[in-house]
Amino acid sequence: MSFHNTIEQITSEKNNQVIELPSGWAQGRAFFGGFSAALAAQFLLKQFPVEYHLRSMSISFVAPAEPGEAQLNYRVLREGKSVIQVAVELLQQGNVMLSCLASLGKARDSKVKVEGETPPDLKTINDGPGLPEADIVPEFAKNFDYRITSGGMPFSGQPGRTFGGWIRFRKEQQPLTTAAILALVDAWPPAVLPHLDSPAPASSLTWTIEFPDITLGNINSHDWFQYEAFIEQAEHGYGHSRAGLWTEQGELLAISRQTFTVFA
């Protein structure tokens, strides 16, 4: 099942929804975490009026999900005049796989306006290689096209603080959504993998992502997007990074921070 067909299982104004996580999206022994987070976001956005923009999500990957039946539920923690604070969970067999705190907020008139940070120089789509067609590449990554133009290839033994380039959904051509943005950001492996000279497991532990309130209507999931992560610190098997996702024209779509684990 495609990403967008899976997302479309979610309906409006219904808590405790049961959905099916598809095969073809494995990330090691787990279901792709960015897809789980995307489902949580789509679920939230379907439960509240459209004027409530999803401002931020703080996500904990509690346990590895797997293809098959899953349940989504939410609980409103506080609802004010403009902002709703919500807790969301994705469960399988009664166990929490993903837990999330989210903030949704209406737009308000404001004297403050600061443009989103512009992307770094990531060269062009033709200036970097894609991921190789190799067994080491996770199954879910084959649903995306990559061009690595910042930092080295994973497991190439090229240390540096930045990692990224260009990305798009490989086959799916749908209007861009907040859910798709989550998948595009998390489709990139932890930024420390180019430091390693041989394969080793790594994964996100916690993830905070924020979404500027911009119009997505003319953007397609098959368009190319720019991404770069910056490693702030890493040692003792854990690391911390920040990242951004931009359109090809340089409009900021997401601001991301991750704590990740690496077993090497």
C-alpha atoms as a PDB file:
ATOM      1  CA  MET A   1       0.000   0.000   0.000  1.00  0.00           C
ATOM      2  CA  SER A   2       1.315   3.458  -0.852  1.00  0.00           C
ATOM      3  CA  PHE A   3       2.020   6.179   1.713  1.00  0.00           C
ATOM      4  CA  HIS A   4      -0.913   8.311   0.606  1.00  0.00           C
ATOM      5  CA  ASN A   5      -3.375   5.397   0.419  1.00  0.00           C
ATOM      6  CA  THR A   6      -2.453   4.489   3.984  1.00  0.00           C
ATOM      7  CA  ILE A   7      -2.916   8.057   5.197  1.00  0.00           C
ATOM      8  CA  GLU A   8      -6.363   8.131   3.585  1.00  0.00           C
ATOM      9  CA  GLN A   9      -7.570   5.402   5.980  1.00  0.00           C
ATOM     10  CA  ILE A  10      -7.865   8.074   8.673  1.00  0.00           C
ATOM     11  CA  THR A  11     -11.282   9.662   9.060  1.00  0.00           C
ATOM     12  CA  SER A  12     -12.550  12.847  10.696  1.00  0.00           C
ATOM     13  CA  GLU A  13     -13.964  13.289  14.198  1.00  0.00           C
ATOM     14  CA  LYS A  14     -13.297   9.762  15.408  1.00  0.00           C
ATOM     15  CA  ASN A  15     -11.051   8.887  18.327  1.00  0.00           C
ATOM     16  CA  ASN A  16      -9.564   5.398  18.824  1.00  0.00           C
ATOM     17  CA  GLN A  17      -9.268   4.670  15.099  1.00  0.00           C
ATOM     18  CA  VAL A  18      -7.934   1.335  13.853  1.00  0.00           C
ATOM     19  CA  ILE A  19      -5.757   1.428  10.729  1.00  0.00           C
ATOM     20  CA  GLU A  20      -3.493  -0.981   8.859  1.00  0.00           C
ATOM     21  CA  LEU A  21       0.267  -0.345   8.665  1.00  0.00           C
ATOM     22  CA  PRO A  22       1.426  -1.592   5.237  1.00  0.00           C
ATOM     23  CA  SER A  23       4.382  -3.766   4.299  1.00  0.00           C
ATOM     24  CA  GLY A  24       7.194  -2.358   2.175  1.00  0.00           C
ATOM     25  CA  TRP A  25       8.198   0.268   4.748  1.00  0.00           C
ATOM     26  CA  ALA A  26      10.608  -1.557   7.032  1.00  0.00           C
ATOM     27  CA  GLN A  27      13.391   0.289   8.852  1.00  0.00           C
ATOM     28  CA  GLY A  28      15.542  -2.555  10.081  1.00  0.00           C
ATOM     29  CA  ARG A  29      13.267  -4.641  12.273  1.00  0.00           C
ATOM     30  CA  ALA A  30      10.755  -1.810  12.714  1.00  0.00           C
ATOM     31  CA  PHE A  31       8.139   0.026  10.693  1.00  0.00           C
ATOM     32  CA  PHE A  32       9.525   3.340   9.360  1.00  0.00           C
ATOM     33  CA  GLY A  33       9.244   5.826  12.228  1.00  0.00           C
ATOM     34  CA  GLY A  34       8.592   8.805   9.963  1.00  0.00           C
ATOM     35  CA  PHE A  35       5.512   7.010   8.630  1.00  0.00           C
ATOM     36  CA  SER A  36       4.231   6.355  12.161  1.00  0.00           C
ATOM     37  CA  ALA A  37       4.695  10.033  13.007  1.00  0.00           C
ATOM     38  CA  ALA A  38       2.972  11.032   9.761  1.00  0.00           C
ATOM     39  CA  LEU A  39      -0.041   8.924  10.676  1.00  0.00           C
ATOM     40  CA  ALA A  40      -0.202  10.587  14.104  1.00  0.00           C
ATOM     41  CA  ALA A  41      -0.094  14.028  12.467  1.00  0.00           C
ATOM     42  CA  GLN A  42      -2.765  13.200   9.916  1.00  0.00           C
ATOM     43  CA  PHE A  43      -4.949  11.718  12.641  1.00  0.00           C
ATOM     44  CA  LEU A  44      -4.662  14.918  14.672  1.00  0.00           C
ATOM     45  CA  LEU A  45      -5.364  17.224  11.773  1.00  0.00           C
ATOM     46  CA  LYS A  46      -8.508  15.258  10.904  1.00  0.00           C
ATOM     47  CA  GLN A  47      -9.936  15.745  14.405  1.00  0.00           C
ATOM     48  CA  PHE A  48      -9.820  19.542  14.640  1.00  0.00           C
ATOM     49  CA  PRO A  49     -10.992  22.450  12.451  1.00  0.00           C
ATOM     50  CA  VAL A  50      -8.692  23.366   9.562  1.00  0.00           C
ATOM     51  CA  GLU A  51      -7.868  26.780  11.049  1.00  0.00           C
ATOM     52  CA  TYR A  52      -5.858  24.997  13.742  1.00  0.00           C
ATOM     53  CA  HIS A  53      -2.440  24.652  12.117  1.00  0.00           C
ATOM     54  CA  LEU A  54      -0.137  21.935  13.480  1.00  0.00           C
ATOM     55  CA  ARG A  55       2.653  24.044  14.988  1.00  0.00           C
ATOM     56  CA  SER A  56       4.851  21.412  16.611  1.00  0.00           C
ATOM     57  CA  MET A  57       5.162  17.752  17.553  1.00  0.00           C
ATOM     58  CA  SER A  58       7.412  16.160  20.175  1.00  0.00           C
ATOM     59  CA  ILE A  59       7.669  12.468  19.363  1.00  0.00           C
ATOM     60  CA  SER A  60       9.047   9.515  21.323  1.00  0.00           C
ATOM     61  CA  PHE A  61       9.630   6.264  19.474  1.00  0.00           C
ATOM     62  CA  VAL A  62       8.723   3.998  22.371  1.00  0.00           C
ATOM     63  CA  ALA A  63       8.897   0.596  20.656  1.00  0.00           C
ATOM     64  CA  PRO A  64       9.306  -0.747  17.109  1.00  0.00           C
ATOM     65  CA  ALA A  65       5.992  -0.953  15.270  1.00  0.00           C
ATOM     66  CA  GLU A  66       5.410  -3.544  12.562  1.00  0.00           C
ATOM     67  CA  PRO A  67       3.056  -3.987   9.589  1.00  0.00           C
ATOM     68  CA  GLY A  68      -0.489  -4.844  10.584  1.00  0.00           C
ATOM     69  CA  GLU A  69      -3.299  -3.455  12.665  1.00  0.00           C
ATOM     70  CA  ALA A  70      -2.620  -0.362  14.787  1.00  0.00           C
ATOM     71  CA  GLN A  71      -4.746   2.004  16.859  1.00  0.00           C
ATOM     72  CA  LEU A  72      -4.546   5.800  17.069  1.00  0.00           C
ATOM     73  CA  ASN A  73      -5.989   7.769  19.965  1.00  0.00           C
ATOM     74  CA  TYR A  74      -5.694  11.276  21.354  1.00  0.00           C
ATOM     75  CA  ARG A  75      -6.418  13.216  24.537  1.00  0.00           C
ATOM     76  CA  VAL A  76      -6.855  16.990  24.745  1.00  0.00           C
ATOM     77  CA  LEU A  77      -4.643  18.331  27.534  1.00  0.00           C
ATOM     78  CA  ARG A  78      -5.768  21.934  27.291  1.00  0.00           C
ATOM     79  CA  GLU A  79      -7.839  23.981  24.875  1.00  0.00           C
ATOM     80  CA  GLY A  80      -7.418  27.759  24.942  1.00  0.00           C
ATOM     81  CA  LYS A  81      -8.682  30.554  22.707  1.00  0.00           C
ATOM     82  CA  SER A  82      -6.055  29.948  20.015  1.00  0.00           C
ATOM     83  CA  VAL A  83      -4.019  26.876  20.971  1.00  0.00           C
ATOM     84  CA  ILE A  84      -4.885  23.233  21.625  1.00  0.00           C
ATOM     85  CA  GLN A  85      -2.398  20.951  23.387  1.00  0.00           C
ATOM     86  CA  VAL A  86      -2.921  17.269  22.592  1.00  0.00           C
ATOM     87  CA  ALA A  87      -1.350  13.905  23.487  1.00  0.00           C
ATOM     88  CA  VAL A  88      -1.420  11.226  20.769  1.00  0.00           C
ATOM     89  CA  GLU A  89      -0.491   7.553  20.824  1.00  0.00           C
ATOM     90  CA  LEU A  90      -0.083   4.816  18.244  1.00  0.00           C
ATOM     91  CA  LEU A  91      -0.578   1.357  19.757  1.00  0.00           C
ATOM     92  CA  GLN A  92      -0.274  -2.252  18.645  1.00  0.00           C
ATOM     93  CA  GLN A  93      -1.669  -5.131  20.706  1.00  0.00           C
ATOM     94  CA  GLY A  94      -2.340  -2.705  23.545  1.00  0.00           C
ATOM     95  CA  ASN A  95       1.278  -1.490  23.716  1.00  0.00           C
ATOM     96  CA  VAL A  96       2.407   2.058  22.939  1.00  0.00           C
ATOM     97  CA  MET A  97       4.667   2.198  19.879  1.00  0.00           C
ATOM     98  CA  LEU A  98       4.749   5.987  19.457  1.00  0.00           C
ATOM     99  CA  SER A  99       3.829   8.765  21.866  1.00  0.00           C
ATOM    100  CA  CYS A 100       3.506  12.397  20.883  1.00  0.00           C
ATOM    101  CA  LEU A 101       2.707  15.799  22.349  1.00  0.00           C
ATOM    102  CA  ALA A 102       1.388  18.239  19.765  1.00  0.00           C
ATOM    103  CA  SER A 103       0.438  21.913  19.659  1.00  0.00           C
ATOM    104  CA  LEU A 104      -2.152  23.215  17.212  1.00  0.00           C
ATOM    105  CA  GLY A 105      -2.777  26.919  16.913  1.00  0.00           C
ATOM    106  CA  LYS A 106      -4.894  29.414  15.010  1.00  0.00           C
ATOM    107  CA  ALA A 107      -3.173  32.265  13.183  1.00  0.00           C
ATOM    108  CA  ARG A 108      -3.407  35.685  14.868  1.00  0.00           C
ATOM    109  CA  ASP A 109      -2.637  39.234  13.791  1.00  0.00           C
ATOM    110  CA  SER A 110       0.913  40.130  14.824  1.00  0.00           C
ATOM    111  CA  LYS A 111       3.424  42.935  14.351  1.00  0.00           C
ATOM    112  CA  VAL A 112       6.226  40.370  14.304  1.00  0.00           C
ATOM    113  CA  LYS A 113       7.240  38.853  10.991  1.00  0.00           C
ATOM    114  CA  VAL A 114      10.608  37.170  10.399  1.00  0.00           C
ATOM    115  CA  GLU A 115      11.163  35.155   7.231  1.00  0.00           C
ATOM    116  CA  GLY A 116      12.146  31.495   7.558  1.00  0.00           C
ATOM    117  CA  GLU A 117      15.848  30.690   7.469  1.00  0.00           C
ATOM    118  CA  THR A 118      17.105  30.149   3.926  1.00  0.00           C
ATOM    119  CA  PRO A 119      18.625  26.795   2.943  1.00  0.00           C
ATOM    120  CA  PRO A 120      22.391  26.257   2.875  1.00  0.00           C
ATOM    121  CA  ASP A 121      24.166  25.823  -0.445  1.00  0.00           C
ATOM    122  CA  LEU A 122      23.209  22.251  -1.324  1.00  0.00           C
ATOM    123  CA  LYS A 123      24.363  22.543  -4.947  1.00  0.00           C
ATOM    124  CA  THR A 124      22.043  20.965  -7.515  1.00  0.00           C
ATOM    125  CA  ILE A 125      20.243  17.668  -7.867  1.00  0.00           C
ATOM    126  CA  ASN A 126      22.842  16.614 -10.451  1.00  0.00           C
ATOM    127  CA  ASP A 127      25.788  17.249  -8.105  1.00  0.00           C
ATOM    128  CA  GLY A 128      25.343  14.282  -5.775  1.00  0.00           C
ATOM    129  CA  PRO A 129      24.770  10.528  -5.845  1.00  0.00           C
ATOM    130  CA  GLY A 130      21.617   8.714  -4.810  1.00  0.00           C
ATOM    131  CA  LEU A 131      21.573   5.852  -2.351  1.00  0.00           C
ATOM    132  CA  PRO A 132      22.969   2.670  -3.899  1.00  0.00           C
ATOM    133  CA  GLU A 133      20.773  -0.269  -4.890  1.00  0.00           C
ATOM    134  CA  ALA A 134      22.138  -2.464  -2.120  1.00  0.00           C
ATOM    135  CA  ASP A 135      20.800  -4.737   0.609  1.00  0.00           C
ATOM    136  CA  ILE A 136      22.147  -2.377   3.250  1.00  0.00           C
ATOM    137  CA  VAL A 137      19.659   0.338   2.218  1.00  0.00           C
ATOM    138  CA  PRO A 138      16.504   0.088   4.384  1.00  0.00           C
ATOM    139  CA  GLU A 139      13.354  -1.093   2.637  1.00  0.00           C
ATOM    140  CA  PHE A 140      11.448   2.126   3.339  1.00  0.00           C
ATOM    141  CA  ALA A 141      14.179   4.265   1.694  1.00  0.00           C
ATOM    142  CA  LYS A 142      13.394   2.688  -1.664  1.00  0.00           C
ATOM    143  CA  ASN A 143      10.163   4.724  -1.643  1.00  0.00           C
ATOM    144  CA  PHE A 144      12.241   7.935  -1.942  1.00  0.00           C
ATOM    145  CA  ASP A 145      14.786   9.433  -4.329  1.00  0.00           C
ATOM    146  CA  TYR A 146      17.887  10.954  -2.711  1.00  0.00           C
ATOM    147  CA  ARG A 147      20.773  13.103  -3.907  1.00  0.00           C
ATOM    148  CA  ILE A 148      23.506  13.479  -1.291  1.00  0.00           C
ATOM    149  CA  THR A 149      25.271  16.817  -1.775  1.00  0.00           C
ATOM    150  CA  SER A 150      26.268  17.661   1.824  1.00  0.00           C
ATOM    151  CA  GLY A 151      28.573  15.331   3.742  1.00  0.00           C
ATOM    152  CA  GLY A 152      29.484  11.808   2.704  1.00  0.00           C
ATOM    153  CA  MET A 153      27.597   8.627   1.931  1.00  0.00           C
ATOM    154  CA  PRO A 154      26.514   6.632   5.014  1.00  0.00           C
ATOM    155  CA  PHE A 155      29.248   4.261   6.236  1.00  0.00           C
ATOM    156  CA  SER A 156      31.888   5.954   4.070  1.00  0.00           C
ATOM    157  CA  GLY A 157      34.165   7.029   6.932  1.00  0.00           C
ATOM    158  CA  GLN A 158      33.826  10.743   6.137  1.00  0.00           C
ATOM    159  CA  PRO A 159      33.402  12.693   9.392  1.00  0.00           C
ATOM    160  CA  GLY A 160      31.765  16.078   9.290  1.00  0.00           C
ATOM    161  CA  ARG A 161      29.000  18.053  10.986  1.00  0.00           C
ATOM    162  CA  THR A 162      26.549  18.314   8.084  1.00  0.00           C
ATOM    163  CA  PHE A 163      24.642  15.739   6.056  1.00  0.00           C
ATOM    164  CA  GLY A 164      21.882  16.101   3.490  1.00  0.00           C
ATOM    165  CA  GLY A 165      20.972  17.077  -0.028  1.00  0.00           C
ATOM    166  CA  TRP A 166      17.793  16.558  -2.053  1.00  0.00           C
ATOM    167  CA  ILE A 167      14.839  14.206  -1.598  1.00  0.00           C
ATOM    168  CA  ARG A 168      11.401  13.425  -3.037  1.00  0.00           C
ATOM    169  CA  PHE A 169       8.834  10.634  -2.998  1.00  0.00           C
ATOM    170  CA  ARG A 170       9.933   8.291  -5.769  1.00  0.00           C
ATOM    171  CA  LYS A 171       6.578   7.368  -7.329  1.00  0.00           C
ATOM    172  CA  GLU A 172       3.802   9.118  -5.465  1.00  0.00           C
ATOM    173  CA  GLN A 173       2.530  12.375  -6.937  1.00  0.00           C
ATOM    174  CA  GLN A 174       0.066  13.904  -4.503  1.00  0.00           C
ATOM    175  CA  PRO A 175      -0.436  17.378  -3.037  1.00  0.00           C
ATOM    176  CA  LEU A 176       2.090  17.899  -0.265  1.00  0.00           C
ATOM    177  CA  THR A 177       0.723  17.518   3.277  1.00  0.00           C
ATOM    178  CA  THR A 178       2.122  17.933   6.772  1.00  0.00           C
ATOM    179  CA  ALA A 179       2.143  14.131   7.026  1.00  0.00           C
ATOM    180  CA  ALA A 180       4.294  13.871   3.894  1.00  0.00           C
ATOM    181  CA  ILE A 181       6.702  16.497   5.275  1.00  0.00           C
ATOM    182  CA  LEU A 182       7.235  14.310   8.350  1.00  0.00           C
ATOM    183  CA  ALA A 183       8.079  11.334   6.154  1.00  0.00           C
ATOM    184  CA  LEU A 184      10.479  13.372   3.984  1.00  0.00           C
ATOM    185  CA  VAL A 185      12.393  14.684   7.002  1.00  0.00           C
ATOM    186  CA  ASP A 186      12.706  11.338   8.787  1.00  0.00           C
ATOM    187  CA  ALA A 187      13.582   9.498   5.573  1.00  0.00           C
ATOM    188  CA  TRP A 188      17.145  10.775   6.057  1.00  0.00           C
ATOM    189  CA  PRO A 189      19.343   8.573   8.258  1.00  0.00           C
ATOM    190  CA  PRO A 190      21.017  10.004  11.372  1.00  0.00           C
ATOM    191  CA  ALA A 191      23.665  12.511  10.347  1.00  0.00           C
ATOM    192  CA  VAL A 192      26.481  10.567  12.043  1.00  0.00           C
ATOM    193  CA  LEU A 193      26.294   7.576   9.685  1.00  0.00           C
ATOM    194  CA  PRO A 194      28.890   9.016   7.249  1.00  0.00           C
ATOM    195  CA  HIS A 195      31.320   8.999  10.212  1.00  0.00           C
ATOM    196  CA  LEU A 196      31.258   5.192  10.276  1.00  0.00           C
ATOM    197  CA  ASP A 197      33.368   3.071   7.938  1.00  0.00           C
ATOM    198  CA  SER A 198      31.160  -0.017   8.224  1.00  0.00           C
ATOM    199  CA  PRO A 199      27.423  -0.645   8.707  1.00  0.00           C
ATOM    200  CA  ALA A 200      25.926  -0.294  12.185  1.00  0.00           C
ATOM    201  CA  PRO A 201      22.379   0.220  13.481  1.00  0.00           C
ATOM    202  CA  ALA A 202      21.161   3.737  14.308  1.00  0.00           C
ATOM    203  CA  SER A 203      17.724   5.187  14.948  1.00  0.00           C
ATOM    204  CA  SER A 204      15.809   8.182  16.274  1.00  0.00           C
ATOM    205  CA  LEU A 205      15.002   8.158  19.989  1.00  0.00           C
ATOM    206  CA  THR A 206      13.109  11.438  20.293  1.00  0.00           C
ATOM    207  CA  TRP A 207      12.139  13.962  17.643  1.00  0.00           C
ATOM    208  CA  THR A 208      10.774  17.487  17.827  1.00  0.00           C
ATOM    209  CA  ILE A 209       9.528  19.029  14.592  1.00  0.00           C
ATOM    210  CA  GLU A 210       7.899  22.396  13.926  1.00  0.00           C
ATOM    211  CA  PHE A 211       5.934  23.584  10.905  1.00  0.00           C
ATOM    212  CA  PRO A 212       5.840  27.177   9.640  1.00  0.00           C
ATOM    213  CA  ASP A 213       2.318  28.162   8.638  1.00  0.00           C
ATOM    214  CA  ILE A 214       2.612  28.314   4.856  1.00  0.00           C
ATOM    215  CA  THR A 215       0.340  27.303   1.993  1.00  0.00           C
ATOM    216  CA  LEU A 216       1.165  23.847   0.605  1.00  0.00           C
ATOM    217  CA  GLY A 217      -1.485  23.736  -2.118  1.00  0.00           C
ATOM    218  CA  ASN A 218       0.809  24.132  -5.144  1.00  0.00           C
ATOM    219  CA  ILE A 219       3.539  21.786  -3.880  1.00  0.00           C
ATOM    220  CA  ASN A 220       3.646  18.121  -4.957  1.00  0.00           C
ATOM    221  CA  SER A 221       5.169  15.214  -3.037  1.00  0.00           C
ATOM    222  CA  HIS A 222       7.120  14.276  -6.189  1.00  0.00           C
ATOM    223  CA  ASP A 223       8.839  17.684  -6.246  1.00  0.00           C
ATOM    224  CA  TRP A 224      12.433  17.853  -5.042  1.00  0.00           C
ATOM    225  CA  PHE A 225      13.036  19.160  -1.513  1.00  0.00           C
ATOM    226  CA  GLN A 226      16.209  20.381   0.169  1.00  0.00           C
ATOM    227  CA  TYR A 227      17.352  18.937   3.507  1.00  0.00           C
ATOM    228  CA  GLU A 228      20.374  19.390   5.712  1.00  0.00           C
ATOM    229  CA  ALA A 229      21.156  18.204   9.242  1.00  0.00           C
ATOM    230  CA  PHE A 230      23.830  19.625  11.531  1.00  0.00           C
ATOM    231  CA  ILE A 231      25.354  17.472  14.293  1.00  0.00           C
ATOM    232  CA  GLU A 232      25.492  19.443  17.527  1.00  0.00           C
ATOM    233  CA  GLN A 233      27.105  16.726  19.654  1.00  0.00           C
ATOM    234  CA  ALA A 234      27.551  12.950  19.674  1.00  0.00           C
ATOM    235  CA  GLU A 235      29.279  10.430  21.950  1.00  0.00           C
ATOM    236  CA  HIS A 236      28.627   7.373  24.114  1.00  0.00           C
ATOM    237  CA  GLY A 237      26.182   5.953  21.537  1.00  0.00           C
ATOM    238  CA  TYR A 238      23.867   8.978  21.404  1.00  0.00           C
ATOM    239  CA  GLY A 239      23.799  12.172  19.381  1.00  0.00           C
ATOM    240  CA  HIS A 240      21.901  15.398  18.872  1.00  0.00           C
ATOM    241  CA  SER A 241      21.199  17.159  15.600  1.00  0.00           C
ATOM    242  CA  ARG A 242      19.082  19.914  14.094  1.00  0.00           C
ATOM    243  CA  ALA A 243      17.810  20.048  10.523  1.00  0.00           C
ATOM    244  CA  GLY A 244      15.609  21.878   8.065  1.00  0.00           C
ATOM    245  CA  LEU A 245      13.493  20.972   5.056  1.00  0.00           C
ATOM    246  CA  TRP A 246      12.933  23.496   2.247  1.00  0.00           C
ATOM    247  CA  THR A 247      11.173  23.549  -1.091  1.00  0.00           C
ATOM    248  CA  GLU A 248      13.267  23.656  -4.253  1.00  0.00           C
ATOM    249  CA  GLN A 249      12.625  27.422  -4.277  1.00  0.00           C
ATOM    250  CA  GLY A 250      13.983  27.789  -0.728  1.00  0.00           C
ATOM    251  CA  GLU A 251      10.785  28.133   1.348  1.00  0.00           C
ATOM    252  CA  LEU A 252      11.163  26.665   4.832  1.00  0.00           C
ATOM    253  CA  LEU A 253       8.760  23.753   5.457  1.00  0.00           C
ATOM    254  CA  ALA A 254       9.996  22.202   8.706  1.00  0.00           C
ATOM    255  CA  ILE A 255      12.441  22.751  11.574  1.00  0.00           C
ATOM    256  CA  SER A 256      13.626  19.519  13.156  1.00  0.00           C
ATOM    257  CA  ARG A 257      15.635  18.379  16.187  1.00  0.00           C
ATOM    258  CA  GLN A 258      16.491  14.768  16.981  1.00  0.00           C
ATOM    259  CA  THR A 259      18.140  12.710  19.666  1.00  0.00           C
ATOM    260  CA  PHE A 260      19.419   9.542  18.011  1.00  0.00           C
ATOM    261  CA  THR A 261      21.143   6.341  19.027  1.00  0.00           C
ATOM    262  CA  VAL A 262      24.019   4.694  17.189  1.00  0.00           C
ATOM    263  CA  PHE A 263      25.384   1.251  18.032  1.00  0.00           C
ATOM    264  CA  ALA A 264      29.002   1.725  17.013  1.00  0.00           C
END
